[in-house]
Amino acid sequence: MTLQIRARLPQPLRAALRTAYRAATAPSDLVAVRELARAPNPDAARIADALRAVKKPLPGSEQARIDAIEQARTRMERRADPLVDGSLNVPPGYDVGVTVSQACSASKPLFAALLLYHLAKRFRPGTALELGTNVGISSAYIAAGLQGRERLTTLEVSPYRLRLAREVHARLGLANIGYRQGLFVETLGPALQEIGSPDLVFIDGHHQYEPTLAYFEAIWPHARPGALFIFDDIRWSQGMRRAWAKLREDERFALVVDVGVLGLCVGRAPGVSGRYQSRRMYSIVR
């Protein structure tokens, strides 16, 4: 069904079709995860394990950590006050008319955020990098998955969104997060010089073809061999679809996993031969 036809359908019907489609594709997703777990790449099993863990109960202390993040999300979702209150020096028009609730609505939903948590927990990156903090939900999940071992650096252009994120992280007791505010073209280079070689990279901002590829190319020379790159909203626009089509065929990646909304790519590492691409999974995260 094309995007134009879907756009003409009433919202209740679109929701019903999505639900039916997820139910129909769920069995094939389970098969795809089983195939991934058997792929000849040591990181494939870790990603498969993270995908399986998304909808399983967590141990008590971990669940309490996730509940606290979701409570922070709920508080922001209930805030109808403007994001921009004039207290920060921002050019007129930036984020004007956006409420805190609307800003929060752009955050990754629960299952996708949980996948970030489980990936961070299983890959145990020495250094993590996020492009696109928004109000801090995804960075909270990644930082919680790191479990205080190492540091996440997150970049955000909006000072108002970044201020909210800092407040959220402080309340959650997440002290392993560093922040840079400004355009990615201004902050990415200095951030990479500061943090060194990232092992986990979450690219979640400026969802267009050229910028997505440009940010990846800027990060790649700094990334450790075998680094995990997570690309968000890979089907958000035609530009992002084109970017994902190019990225998933990039020979620099030894492992490519398509989770529908997220694209997971693991760089080549010494001692790892071959290349594996998963089939697309539809219903695990959304």
Foldseek 3Di string as FASTA:
>chain_A
DDPVVLVPDDPVVNVVVLVVVLVVQVVVLVVLLVVQCPDQDVCSVLLSVLLVCLPPDDPDVLVVLLVLLVVLLVVQLPWQAQLDPPPDDDPPPVSPPPTSNNLSVLDFDRSVLSSLLSSLLRLLKQEEEEEACRQNSSVSSNLVSNVPPAAYEYEEADPSSVVNNVVSCVVSVRPRYHYDYRDCVPVVVVVCVVPFATQEYEYDDPQFQVVVVVSCVVRVVRHDAFGKYKYFQCPVDPRSVVNVVVVLPDPQFQEWEAAPGMIITTGHDPPRDHHDYTDYHRNSGD
